[in-house]
Protein backbone atom coordinates (compact mmCIF):
# COMPACT_ATOMS: atom_id res chain seq x y z
CA MET A 1 34.08 -156.93 -166.76
CA SER A 2 33.69 -153.18 -166.22
CA PRO A 3 35.53 -151.46 -163.34
CA SER A 4 32.22 -150.57 -161.68
CA VAL A 5 31.30 -154.26 -161.47
CA ALA A 6 34.72 -155.24 -160.20
CA LEU A 7 34.42 -152.75 -157.33
CA ALA A 8 30.75 -153.34 -156.60
CA ASP A 9 31.46 -154.81 -153.17
CA ALA A 10 33.49 -151.77 -152.20
CA ALA A 11 30.90 -149.13 -153.14
CA PRO A 12 27.22 -148.50 -152.38
CA ALA A 13 25.00 -150.71 -154.48
CA ALA A 14 23.11 -147.79 -155.98
CA ALA A 15 26.32 -146.17 -157.20
CA ALA A 16 27.46 -149.44 -158.75
CA SER A 17 24.20 -149.84 -160.62
CA LYS A 18 24.28 -146.26 -161.88
CA ALA A 19 27.77 -146.78 -163.24
CA LEU A 20 26.69 -150.00 -164.93
CA ALA A 21 23.69 -148.30 -166.50
CA GLN A 22 25.94 -145.65 -167.99
CA ARG A 23 28.34 -148.14 -169.58
CA GLY A 24 28.64 -147.44 -173.27
CA ALA A 25 26.33 -144.42 -173.06
CA SER A 26 28.96 -141.86 -174.02
CA GLY A 27 28.92 -141.37 -177.77
CA ALA A 28 26.77 -144.46 -178.29
CA ALA A 29 23.65 -144.71 -180.40
CA PRO A 30 20.38 -143.80 -178.61
CA ARG A 31 18.69 -146.69 -176.83
CA ASP A 32 15.37 -147.17 -175.07
CA ARG A 33 16.75 -148.86 -171.94
CA PRO A 34 19.72 -148.94 -169.56
CA ALA A 35 22.91 -150.77 -170.47
CA THR A 36 22.71 -154.48 -171.20
CA LEU A 37 23.72 -156.66 -168.25
CA ILE A 38 24.27 -160.41 -168.51
CA SER A 39 23.74 -162.21 -165.21
CA PRO A 40 24.42 -165.96 -165.53
CA SER A 41 22.67 -168.10 -162.94
CA ILE A 42 25.14 -169.98 -160.81
CA LEU A 43 22.45 -172.60 -160.15
CA SER A 44 23.82 -174.24 -163.32
CA ALA A 45 27.45 -174.07 -162.20
CA ASP A 46 29.48 -176.95 -160.77
CA PHE A 47 28.97 -176.37 -157.03
CA ALA A 48 32.09 -178.36 -156.22
CA LEU A 49 34.07 -175.65 -158.06
CA LEU A 50 31.78 -172.70 -157.41
CA ALA A 51 34.37 -169.97 -156.80
CA GLU A 52 36.39 -171.02 -159.83
CA GLU A 53 33.27 -171.27 -161.99
CA CYS A 54 32.12 -167.78 -161.00
CA ASP A 55 35.54 -166.28 -161.65
CA ARG A 56 35.70 -167.99 -165.06
CA ILE A 57 32.29 -166.77 -166.17
CA VAL A 58 32.97 -163.18 -165.10
CA LYS A 59 36.25 -163.18 -167.00
CA LEU A 60 34.32 -164.41 -170.05
CA GLY A 61 32.11 -161.31 -169.99
CA ALA A 62 29.37 -161.68 -167.39
CA ASP A 63 28.39 -158.40 -165.72
CA TRP A 64 26.59 -159.85 -162.69
CA LEU A 65 26.23 -163.25 -161.04
CA HIS A 66 22.64 -164.37 -160.50
CA ILE A 67 22.19 -166.31 -157.25
CA ASP A 68 18.96 -168.30 -156.88
CA VAL A 69 17.86 -168.77 -153.27
CA MET A 70 15.05 -171.26 -152.66
CA ASP A 71 13.62 -172.22 -149.27
CA GLY A 72 11.59 -175.35 -150.05
CA HIS A 73 8.40 -173.53 -148.99
CA PHE A 74 7.69 -170.77 -151.50
CA VAL A 75 9.02 -173.08 -154.21
CA PRO A 76 9.43 -176.88 -154.15
CA ASN A 77 13.20 -176.86 -154.11
CA LEU A 78 16.01 -176.05 -151.69
CA THR A 79 19.23 -174.35 -152.77
CA LEU A 80 21.93 -172.22 -151.19
CA GLY A 81 21.52 -169.50 -148.57
CA ALA A 82 23.34 -166.53 -147.07
CA PRO A 83 26.27 -168.58 -145.65
CA VAL A 84 27.22 -169.76 -149.14
CA VAL A 85 26.90 -166.21 -150.48
CA ALA A 86 29.20 -165.00 -147.69
CA CYS A 87 31.77 -167.66 -148.55
CA LEU A 88 31.59 -166.85 -152.25
CA ARG A 89 32.03 -163.15 -151.51
CA LYS A 90 35.47 -163.94 -150.07
CA HIS A 91 36.50 -165.15 -153.52
CA SER A 92 34.62 -162.78 -155.80
CA ARG A 93 34.29 -159.03 -156.27
CA ALA A 94 31.44 -159.41 -158.77
CA TYR A 95 27.98 -157.90 -158.40
CA PHE A 96 25.79 -160.46 -156.59
CA ASP A 97 22.27 -160.44 -158.04
CA CYS A 98 20.33 -162.46 -155.44
CA HIS A 99 16.85 -163.75 -156.32
CA LEU A 100 15.05 -164.90 -153.18
CA MET A 101 12.30 -167.43 -153.81
CA VAL A 102 11.36 -167.55 -150.14
CA SER A 103 8.16 -167.28 -148.13
CA GLU A 104 9.22 -164.54 -145.74
CA PRO A 105 11.70 -162.29 -147.53
CA ALA A 106 11.90 -159.73 -144.72
CA LYS A 107 13.51 -162.34 -142.46
CA TRP A 108 16.57 -162.60 -144.70
CA ILE A 109 17.38 -158.99 -145.48
CA ASP A 110 20.06 -158.50 -142.84
CA ASP A 111 21.65 -161.90 -143.49
CA PHE A 112 22.07 -161.23 -147.19
CA ALA A 113 23.30 -157.69 -146.65
CA LYS A 114 25.97 -159.00 -144.28
CA ALA A 115 26.81 -161.79 -146.74
CA GLY A 116 27.65 -159.27 -149.45
CA ALA A 117 24.58 -159.28 -151.70
CA ASN A 118 24.22 -156.27 -154.00
CA MET A 119 20.71 -156.85 -155.36
CA PHE A 120 17.99 -158.36 -153.15
CA THR A 121 15.08 -159.47 -155.34
CA PHE A 122 12.02 -160.73 -153.52
CA HIS A 123 8.72 -162.01 -154.83
CA LEU A 124 5.71 -159.72 -154.84
CA GLU A 125 3.57 -162.78 -154.13
CA ALA A 126 5.64 -163.66 -151.04
CA ALA A 127 5.67 -160.22 -149.40
CA ALA A 128 1.88 -159.92 -149.21
CA ASP A 129 -1.25 -161.98 -149.80
CA PRO A 130 -1.63 -161.97 -153.60
CA ALA A 131 -5.38 -161.44 -153.21
CA ALA A 132 -4.67 -158.17 -151.40
CA LEU A 133 -2.41 -156.72 -154.10
CA SER A 134 -3.69 -153.86 -156.21
CA ALA A 135 -2.59 -152.04 -159.33
CA ALA A 136 -3.99 -148.82 -157.86
CA GLU A 137 -1.81 -148.52 -154.76
CA ALA A 138 1.21 -150.04 -153.03
CA HIS A 139 0.60 -152.67 -150.38
CA PRO A 140 2.21 -151.51 -147.10
CA ALA A 141 3.88 -154.88 -146.45
CA VAL A 142 5.57 -154.92 -149.85
CA ALA A 143 6.65 -151.30 -149.52
CA ASP A 144 8.10 -152.02 -146.08
CA VAL A 145 10.24 -154.87 -147.44
CA ALA A 146 11.50 -152.68 -150.27
CA ARG A 147 12.44 -149.86 -147.89
CA ALA A 148 14.18 -152.29 -145.52
CA VAL A 149 16.25 -153.75 -148.37
CA ARG A 150 17.41 -150.31 -149.41
CA ALA A 151 18.11 -149.30 -145.81
CA ALA A 152 20.35 -152.37 -145.52
CA GLY A 153 22.48 -151.05 -148.40
CA MET A 154 21.23 -153.29 -151.19
CA GLU A 155 19.33 -152.52 -154.36
CA VAL A 156 15.70 -153.58 -154.56
CA GLY A 157 14.30 -156.06 -157.03
CA ILE A 158 10.72 -157.33 -157.18
CA ALA A 159 10.01 -160.59 -159.00
CA LEU A 160 6.77 -161.67 -160.66
CA LYS A 161 5.67 -165.25 -161.28
CA PRO A 162 4.45 -165.99 -164.82
CA GLU A 163 0.79 -165.73 -163.76
CA THR A 164 1.15 -162.43 -161.88
CA ALA A 165 -0.12 -159.36 -163.71
CA VAL A 166 2.57 -156.77 -164.40
CA GLU A 167 0.22 -153.98 -163.36
CA LEU A 168 0.55 -155.12 -159.74
CA VAL A 169 4.21 -154.03 -159.58
CA MET A 170 3.62 -150.59 -161.07
CA PRO A 171 2.79 -148.78 -157.78
CA TYR A 172 6.20 -149.70 -156.32
CA VAL A 173 8.10 -148.64 -159.43
CA GLU A 174 6.20 -145.36 -159.61
CA ALA A 175 6.90 -144.72 -155.92
CA GLY A 176 10.65 -145.10 -156.54
CA LEU A 177 10.89 -148.16 -154.31
CA VAL A 178 12.29 -150.51 -156.96
CA ASP A 179 15.57 -150.64 -158.88
CA MET A 180 14.68 -153.71 -160.95
CA VAL A 181 11.67 -155.82 -161.87
CA LEU A 182 12.26 -159.49 -162.61
CA ILE A 183 9.87 -161.12 -165.08
CA LEU A 184 9.98 -164.88 -164.71
CA THR A 185 9.42 -166.80 -167.91
CA VAL A 186 9.29 -170.17 -166.14
CA ASN A 187 7.61 -171.26 -162.93
CA PRO A 188 10.08 -170.59 -160.09
CA GLY A 189 11.82 -173.50 -158.41
CA PHE A 190 13.94 -175.40 -160.93
CA GLY A 191 16.45 -174.63 -163.65
CA GLY A 192 16.31 -175.94 -167.20
CA GLN A 193 12.59 -175.29 -167.79
CA LYS A 194 11.03 -174.35 -171.14
CA PHE A 195 10.84 -170.64 -171.91
CA MET A 196 7.39 -169.01 -171.76
CA GLY A 197 7.14 -166.41 -174.48
CA GLY A 198 4.11 -164.53 -175.72
CA ASP A 199 2.13 -162.72 -173.04
CA VAL A 200 4.51 -163.80 -170.26
CA VAL A 201 7.67 -162.21 -171.64
CA GLY A 202 5.44 -159.51 -173.11
CA LYS A 203 4.95 -158.13 -169.61
CA CYS A 204 8.26 -156.34 -170.11
CA ALA A 205 6.83 -154.06 -172.80
CA PRO A 206 4.46 -151.90 -170.71
CA LEU A 207 7.11 -151.59 -168.02
CA ARG A 208 9.67 -150.41 -170.55
CA ARG A 209 7.30 -147.91 -172.13
CA ALA A 210 6.40 -146.41 -168.77
CA HIS A 211 9.89 -146.54 -167.24
CA PRO A 212 12.74 -146.29 -169.78
CA GLY A 213 15.39 -146.11 -167.06
CA LEU A 214 14.23 -149.17 -165.11
CA HIS A 215 16.27 -152.38 -164.98
CA ILE A 216 13.99 -155.11 -166.35
CA GLN A 217 15.32 -158.62 -165.88
CA VAL A 218 14.10 -161.80 -167.56
CA ASP A 219 14.87 -165.20 -166.10
CA GLY A 220 13.81 -168.63 -167.29
CA GLY A 221 14.71 -170.56 -170.41
CA VAL A 222 16.68 -167.68 -171.87
CA ALA A 223 19.18 -168.84 -174.50
CA PRO A 224 20.41 -167.79 -177.95
CA SER A 225 17.25 -169.36 -179.38
CA THR A 226 14.90 -167.21 -177.25
CA ILE A 227 16.87 -164.02 -176.60
CA ASP A 228 15.48 -162.08 -179.57
CA GLU A 229 11.94 -162.24 -178.14
CA VAL A 230 13.22 -161.21 -174.71
CA ALA A 231 15.20 -158.33 -176.20
CA ALA A 232 12.29 -157.12 -178.33
CA ALA A 233 10.04 -157.02 -175.24
CA GLY A 234 12.33 -154.48 -173.57
CA ALA A 235 14.49 -156.40 -171.10
CA ASN A 236 18.03 -155.21 -170.38
CA VAL A 237 19.16 -157.63 -167.63
CA ILE A 238 19.43 -161.19 -168.89
CA VAL A 239 19.63 -164.29 -166.72
CA ALA A 240 20.78 -167.52 -168.36
CA GLY A 241 21.88 -170.62 -166.52
CA SER A 242 22.41 -173.81 -168.48
CA ALA A 243 22.70 -171.84 -171.73
CA VAL A 244 25.87 -170.24 -170.37
CA PHE A 245 27.40 -172.68 -167.90
CA GLY A 246 26.53 -175.68 -170.09
CA ALA A 247 27.94 -174.19 -173.26
CA GLU A 248 31.15 -175.33 -174.88
CA ARG A 249 32.06 -171.65 -175.38
CA PRO A 250 30.24 -169.63 -172.68
CA GLY A 251 31.89 -166.38 -173.73
CA GLU A 252 30.32 -166.63 -177.17
CA VAL A 253 26.89 -167.22 -175.64
CA ILE A 254 27.28 -164.18 -173.38
CA ALA A 255 28.33 -162.09 -176.38
CA ALA A 256 25.34 -163.31 -178.43
CA LEU A 257 22.88 -162.48 -175.65
CA ARG A 258 24.39 -159.01 -175.29
CA ALA A 259 24.36 -158.35 -179.02
CA SER A 260 20.66 -159.19 -179.30
CA VAL A 261 19.66 -156.86 -176.46
CA ASP A 262 21.94 -154.07 -177.68
CA GLY A 263 20.48 -154.37 -181.17
CA ALA A 264 16.89 -154.21 -179.93
CA ALA A 265 17.69 -151.29 -177.63
CA ALA A 266 19.28 -149.31 -180.45
CA ALA A 267 16.46 -150.09 -182.88
CA ALA A 268 13.82 -148.98 -180.39
CA GLY A 269 15.82 -145.89 -179.48
CA ASN A 270 15.89 -144.53 -183.03
């Protein structure tokens, strides 16, 4: 784990992300995207040993820890919340990449900031009526949530369901309101689903072309068998749950995911 990740809870989130993005940049081959970041989803960890599991996976090479938050309303499942994040923060100095699959994301900004979250990723479809979203301009409600997240000291992520057009997130990226866009390649709510490739993961490509410095995260069914398609599309932040925590040798899986993304980034950068 890089020093910037280890100290993420002791420095502003933006500074931590900048340091992560620069990892390996000095003297390295040109690449078309920020540094590769592997963010295993703790939804697949043994919750009875959560602190130990998180520590183990970071020591094996994970850059971030992906924390899935589900409210039973926006998605048909209920998982952990801010109190568990706060408890885990007492035992971990890792970068907490929190993905909120909740109906009213603005309600939880302060709680997650106080709990020690570094990235607060909310769903575009939850922050405003999807029918009111436009590719031409930012919706005020979505922009307000993004600004509030940043004001609370966290980085801003916006997530898109598989059926949501990538063009709808562009106004927020272009306005500088977003640090990361999360492209879901499964329907949100449960782990272990089948990866959606093709046009779904392909949403990364126009984002990468337009914004080379943007963190683009892919979550859902990502494993050694699907990573090459994810990497080729332009992602640099990789979420994998069961593929990492369920592996006999998680460190080797993390290394394989990183190698695929690094290879695609270098190939596209030449």
